Amino acid sequence: MRFRIEGTQTKTKKIVVTETIRGEIEITKKEVQRITDCPNIEDGDSTAWYGYVAEALEGGATYKLHVAEAVVLERDVETDEHRLFEEGVDVEWG
């Protein structure tokens, strides 16, 4: 069946880029604490920060990637498109 339509359509495109990265990052203690709510000092054990940094990164923390020392090993792009016609679409037989 064919129909003649007139209306406004909104398209939402979501692009997901997955990168596998190996290298060095720079992240502030303040940013790690913001995401993880970890204490300022952890019994003098500096290795406790490794777990907190990993948790912060998994929680979406902001960091700087040292590009000269890091390599993107893999990139996978996934696109999801959603179309939605707004109210007020006129439809007629074609």
N, C-alpha and C. Protein backbone atom coordinates (compact mmCIF):
# COMPACT_ATOMS: atom_id res chain seq x y z
N MET A 1 0.84 -1.18 0.00
CA MET A 1 0.00 0.00 0.00
C MET A 1 0.88 1.24 0.00
N ARG A 2 0.45 2.24 -0.67
CA ARG A 2 1.16 3.51 -0.70
C ARG A 2 0.30 4.58 -0.06
N PHE A 3 0.96 5.44 0.68
CA PHE A 3 0.28 6.56 1.31
C PHE A 3 1.09 7.82 1.05
N ARG A 4 0.42 8.92 0.91
CA ARG A 4 1.08 10.21 0.80
C ARG A 4 1.04 10.83 2.18
N ILE A 5 2.20 11.25 2.69
CA ILE A 5 2.24 11.82 4.04
C ILE A 5 2.92 13.17 4.02
N GLU A 6 2.65 13.94 5.05
CA GLU A 6 3.33 15.21 5.29
C GLU A 6 3.45 15.38 6.78
N GLY A 7 4.65 15.62 7.27
CA GLY A 7 4.85 15.77 8.71
C GLY A 7 6.30 16.00 9.01
N THR A 8 6.60 16.16 10.27
CA THR A 8 7.97 16.40 10.72
C THR A 8 8.48 15.14 11.40
N GLN A 9 9.63 14.70 10.98
CA GLN A 9 10.23 13.50 11.55
C GLN A 9 11.53 13.88 12.25
N THR A 10 11.69 13.38 13.45
CA THR A 10 12.93 13.60 14.20
C THR A 10 13.72 12.30 14.17
N LYS A 11 14.99 12.38 13.77
CA LYS A 11 15.85 11.20 13.76
C LYS A 11 16.88 11.34 14.87
N THR A 12 17.01 10.30 15.65
CA THR A 12 18.02 10.26 16.70
C THR A 12 19.00 9.17 16.32
N LYS A 13 20.26 9.53 16.17
CA LYS A 13 21.28 8.54 15.85
C LYS A 13 22.23 8.42 17.02
N LYS A 14 22.45 7.19 17.44
CA LYS A 14 23.38 6.92 18.52
C LYS A 14 24.55 6.16 17.92
N ILE A 15 25.74 6.70 18.10
CA ILE A 15 26.93 6.04 17.61
C ILE A 15 27.75 5.61 18.82
N VAL A 16 28.02 4.33 18.90
CA VAL A 16 28.82 3.79 19.99
C VAL A 16 30.19 3.42 19.41
N VAL A 17 31.23 4.02 19.96
CA VAL A 17 32.59 3.71 19.54
C VAL A 17 33.27 2.99 20.69
N THR A 18 33.68 1.77 20.44
CA THR A 18 34.39 0.99 21.44
C THR A 18 35.85 0.92 21.04
N GLU A 19 36.72 1.38 21.92
CA GLU A 19 38.15 1.38 21.65
C GLU A 19 38.87 0.56 22.70
N THR A 20 39.79 -0.26 22.26
CA THR A 20 40.66 -0.98 23.17
C THR A 20 41.96 -0.19 23.23
N ILE A 21 42.32 0.29 24.41
CA ILE A 21 43.45 1.20 24.56
C ILE A 21 44.50 0.60 25.48
N ARG A 22 45.75 0.74 25.09
CA ARG A 22 46.85 0.35 25.96
C ARG A 22 47.81 1.53 26.00
N GLY A 23 48.16 1.96 27.18
CA GLY A 23 49.05 3.10 27.31
C GLY A 23 48.95 3.72 28.69
N GLU A 24 49.26 5.00 28.78
CA GLU A 24 49.22 5.71 30.06
C GLU A 24 48.14 6.77 30.03
N ILE A 25 47.51 6.94 31.20
CA ILE A 25 46.54 8.01 31.35
C ILE A 25 46.97 8.88 32.52
N GLU A 26 46.41 10.07 32.57
CA GLU A 26 46.60 10.96 33.70
C GLU A 26 45.22 11.26 34.26
N ILE A 27 45.02 10.95 35.54
CA ILE A 27 43.74 11.17 36.19
C ILE A 27 44.02 11.79 37.56
N THR A 28 43.20 12.75 37.95
CA THR A 28 43.44 13.43 39.22
C THR A 28 42.84 12.64 40.39
N LYS A 29 43.44 12.81 41.53
CA LYS A 29 42.94 12.17 42.75
C LYS A 29 41.52 12.67 43.04
N LYS A 30 41.30 13.94 42.78
CA LYS A 30 39.98 14.54 43.01
C LYS A 30 38.91 13.87 42.14
N GLU A 31 39.26 13.56 40.88
CA GLU A 31 38.32 12.91 39.98
C GLU A 31 38.03 11.47 40.44
N VAL A 32 39.05 10.77 40.89
CA VAL A 32 38.86 9.41 41.40
C VAL A 32 37.95 9.44 42.62
N GLN A 33 38.17 10.39 43.51
CA GLN A 33 37.33 10.50 44.71
C GLN A 33 35.90 10.90 44.36
N ARG A 34 35.73 11.73 43.35
CA ARG A 34 34.39 12.16 42.93
C ARG A 34 33.56 10.96 42.48
N ILE A 35 34.17 10.06 41.74
CA ILE A 35 33.44 8.91 41.20
C ILE A 35 33.28 7.80 42.25
N THR A 36 34.32 7.53 43.03
CA THR A 36 34.32 6.35 43.91
C THR A 36 33.98 6.64 45.36
N ASP A 37 34.02 7.90 45.77
CA ASP A 37 33.83 8.26 47.18
C ASP A 37 34.87 7.61 48.09
N CYS A 38 36.06 7.34 47.55
CA CYS A 38 37.12 6.71 48.35
C CYS A 38 37.71 7.74 49.33
N PRO A 39 38.34 7.26 50.40
CA PRO A 39 38.94 8.18 51.36
C PRO A 39 40.18 8.87 50.79
N ASN A 40 40.53 9.98 51.39
CA ASN A 40 41.69 10.75 50.95
C ASN A 40 42.99 9.98 51.20
N ILE A 41 43.05 9.27 52.30
CA ILE A 41 44.23 8.47 52.65
C ILE A 41 43.75 7.06 52.98
N GLU A 42 44.45 6.06 52.49
CA GLU A 42 44.09 4.66 52.71
C GLU A 42 45.21 3.96 53.46
N ASP A 43 45.32 4.17 54.74
CA ASP A 43 46.31 3.51 55.60
C ASP A 43 47.72 3.49 55.02
N GLY A 44 48.09 4.52 54.29
CA GLY A 44 49.43 4.60 53.71
C GLY A 44 49.70 3.59 52.62
N ASP A 45 48.67 2.90 52.13
CA ASP A 45 48.84 1.88 51.09
C ASP A 45 48.56 2.49 49.72
N SER A 46 49.63 2.79 48.98
CA SER A 46 49.46 3.44 47.68
C SER A 46 48.85 2.49 46.64
N THR A 47 48.98 1.18 46.84
CA THR A 47 48.42 0.23 45.87
C THR A 47 46.89 0.21 45.91
N ALA A 48 46.29 0.73 46.98
CA ALA A 48 44.83 0.80 47.06
C ALA A 48 44.28 1.68 45.93
N TRP A 49 45.09 2.62 45.47
CA TRP A 49 44.64 3.53 44.41
C TRP A 49 44.44 2.82 43.08
N TYR A 50 45.13 1.69 42.84
CA TYR A 50 44.94 0.97 41.58
C TYR A 50 43.49 0.55 41.41
N GLY A 51 42.92 -0.01 42.46
CA GLY A 51 41.52 -0.42 42.42
C GLY A 51 40.58 0.74 42.29
N TYR A 52 40.88 1.83 42.98
CA TYR A 52 40.02 3.01 42.90
C TYR A 52 40.06 3.63 41.50
N VAL A 53 41.23 3.67 40.90
CA VAL A 53 41.34 4.23 39.54
C VAL A 53 40.56 3.37 38.56
N ALA A 54 40.69 2.05 38.67
CA ALA A 54 39.94 1.16 37.79
C ALA A 54 38.44 1.38 37.96
N GLU A 55 37.99 1.50 39.21
CA GLU A 55 36.57 1.73 39.49
C GLU A 55 36.12 3.07 38.92
N ALA A 56 36.97 4.09 39.06
CA ALA A 56 36.64 5.42 38.54
C ALA A 56 36.52 5.40 37.01
N LEU A 57 37.44 4.72 36.35
CA LEU A 57 37.38 4.63 34.89
C LEU A 57 36.12 3.91 34.43
N GLU A 58 35.79 2.82 35.12
CA GLU A 58 34.57 2.08 34.79
C GLU A 58 33.33 2.91 35.08
N GLY A 59 33.43 3.87 35.99
CA GLY A 59 32.31 4.73 36.34
C GLY A 59 32.21 5.99 35.49
N GLY A 60 33.09 6.11 34.49
CA GLY A 60 32.99 7.24 33.56
C GLY A 60 33.83 8.44 33.92
N ALA A 61 34.89 8.25 34.69
CA ALA A 61 35.76 9.37 35.09
C ALA A 61 36.42 10.02 33.87
N THR A 62 36.71 11.29 34.02
CA THR A 62 37.42 12.03 32.99
C THR A 62 38.91 11.88 33.21
N TYR A 63 39.64 11.64 32.13
CA TYR A 63 41.09 11.48 32.22
C TYR A 63 41.74 11.98 30.95
N LYS A 64 43.05 12.15 30.99
CA LYS A 64 43.80 12.54 29.81
C LYS A 64 44.59 11.33 29.33
N LEU A 65 44.51 11.08 28.05
CA LEU A 65 45.25 9.97 27.45
C LEU A 65 46.53 10.53 26.85
N HIS A 66 47.65 9.95 27.23
CA HIS A 66 48.93 10.37 26.66
C HIS A 66 49.07 9.67 25.32
N VAL A 67 48.66 10.37 24.26
CA VAL A 67 48.56 9.77 22.93
C VAL A 67 49.89 9.22 22.44
N ALA A 68 50.97 9.88 22.75
CA ALA A 68 52.26 9.42 22.27
C ALA A 68 52.61 8.04 22.81
N GLU A 69 52.04 7.69 23.94
CA GLU A 69 52.36 6.41 24.57
C GLU A 69 51.22 5.41 24.48
N ALA A 70 50.10 5.81 23.92
CA ALA A 70 48.95 4.93 23.88
C ALA A 70 48.61 4.59 22.44
N VAL A 71 48.03 3.44 22.26
CA VAL A 71 47.66 2.97 20.94
C VAL A 71 46.22 2.46 21.00
N VAL A 72 45.41 2.84 20.03
CA VAL A 72 44.08 2.27 19.92
C VAL A 72 44.24 0.95 19.19
N LEU A 73 44.03 -0.14 19.89
CA LEU A 73 44.26 -1.47 19.33
C LEU A 73 43.10 -1.93 18.46
N GLU A 74 41.90 -1.47 18.80
CA GLU A 74 40.72 -1.94 18.08
C GLU A 74 39.64 -0.88 18.19
N ARG A 75 38.90 -0.67 17.12
CA ARG A 75 37.78 0.28 17.15
C ARG A 75 36.58 -0.38 16.49
N ASP A 76 35.47 -0.39 17.19
CA ASP A 76 34.25 -0.98 16.68
C ASP A 76 33.16 0.09 16.77
N VAL A 77 32.50 0.38 15.66
CA VAL A 77 31.47 1.42 15.63
C VAL A 77 30.12 0.75 15.42
N GLU A 78 29.20 1.09 16.29
CA GLU A 78 27.84 0.55 16.21
C GLU A 78 26.89 1.73 16.09
N THR A 79 26.01 1.70 15.12
CA THR A 79 25.07 2.79 14.91
C THR A 79 23.65 2.29 15.11
N ASP A 80 22.89 3.04 15.86
CA ASP A 80 21.49 2.72 16.11
C ASP A 80 20.69 3.96 15.73
N GLU A 81 19.76 3.79 14.83
CA GLU A 81 18.97 4.94 14.37
C GLU A 81 17.52 4.76 14.80
N HIS A 82 16.96 5.81 15.33
CA HIS A 82 15.58 5.79 15.78
C HIS A 82 14.85 6.93 15.08
N ARG A 83 13.73 6.62 14.47
CA ARG A 83 12.94 7.64 13.78
C ARG A 83 11.60 7.81 14.49
N LEU A 84 11.20 9.03 14.63
CA LEU A 84 9.95 9.32 15.30
C LEU A 84 9.25 10.45 14.57
N PHE A 85 8.03 10.20 14.12
CA PHE A 85 7.22 11.26 13.54
C PHE A 85 6.51 11.98 14.66
N GLU A 86 6.57 13.30 14.60
CA GLU A 86 5.89 14.09 15.61
C GLU A 86 4.40 14.15 15.29
N GLU A 87 3.61 14.56 16.25
CA GLU A 87 2.16 14.64 16.05
C GLU A 87 1.84 15.61 14.92
N GLY A 88 0.75 15.37 14.28
CA GLY A 88 0.32 16.25 13.20
C GLY A 88 0.69 15.73 11.83
N VAL A 89 0.95 14.44 11.70
CA VAL A 89 1.26 13.85 10.40
C VAL A 89 -0.04 13.64 9.64
N ASP A 90 -0.08 14.13 8.42
CA ASP A 90 -1.26 13.93 7.56
C ASP A 90 -1.00 12.74 6.65
N VAL A 91 -1.94 11.81 6.58
CA VAL A 91 -1.81 10.62 5.77
C VAL A 91 -2.99 10.58 4.80
N GLU A 92 -2.70 10.34 3.51
CA GLU A 92 -3.71 10.21 2.49
C GLU A 92 -3.42 8.96 1.66
N TRP A 93 -4.43 8.42 1.05
CA TRP A 93 -4.21 7.31 0.12
C TRP A 93 -3.39 7.82 -1.04
N GLY A 94 -2.45 7.01 -1.51
CA GLY A 94 -1.58 7.39 -2.63
C GLY A 94 -2.16 6.93 -3.89
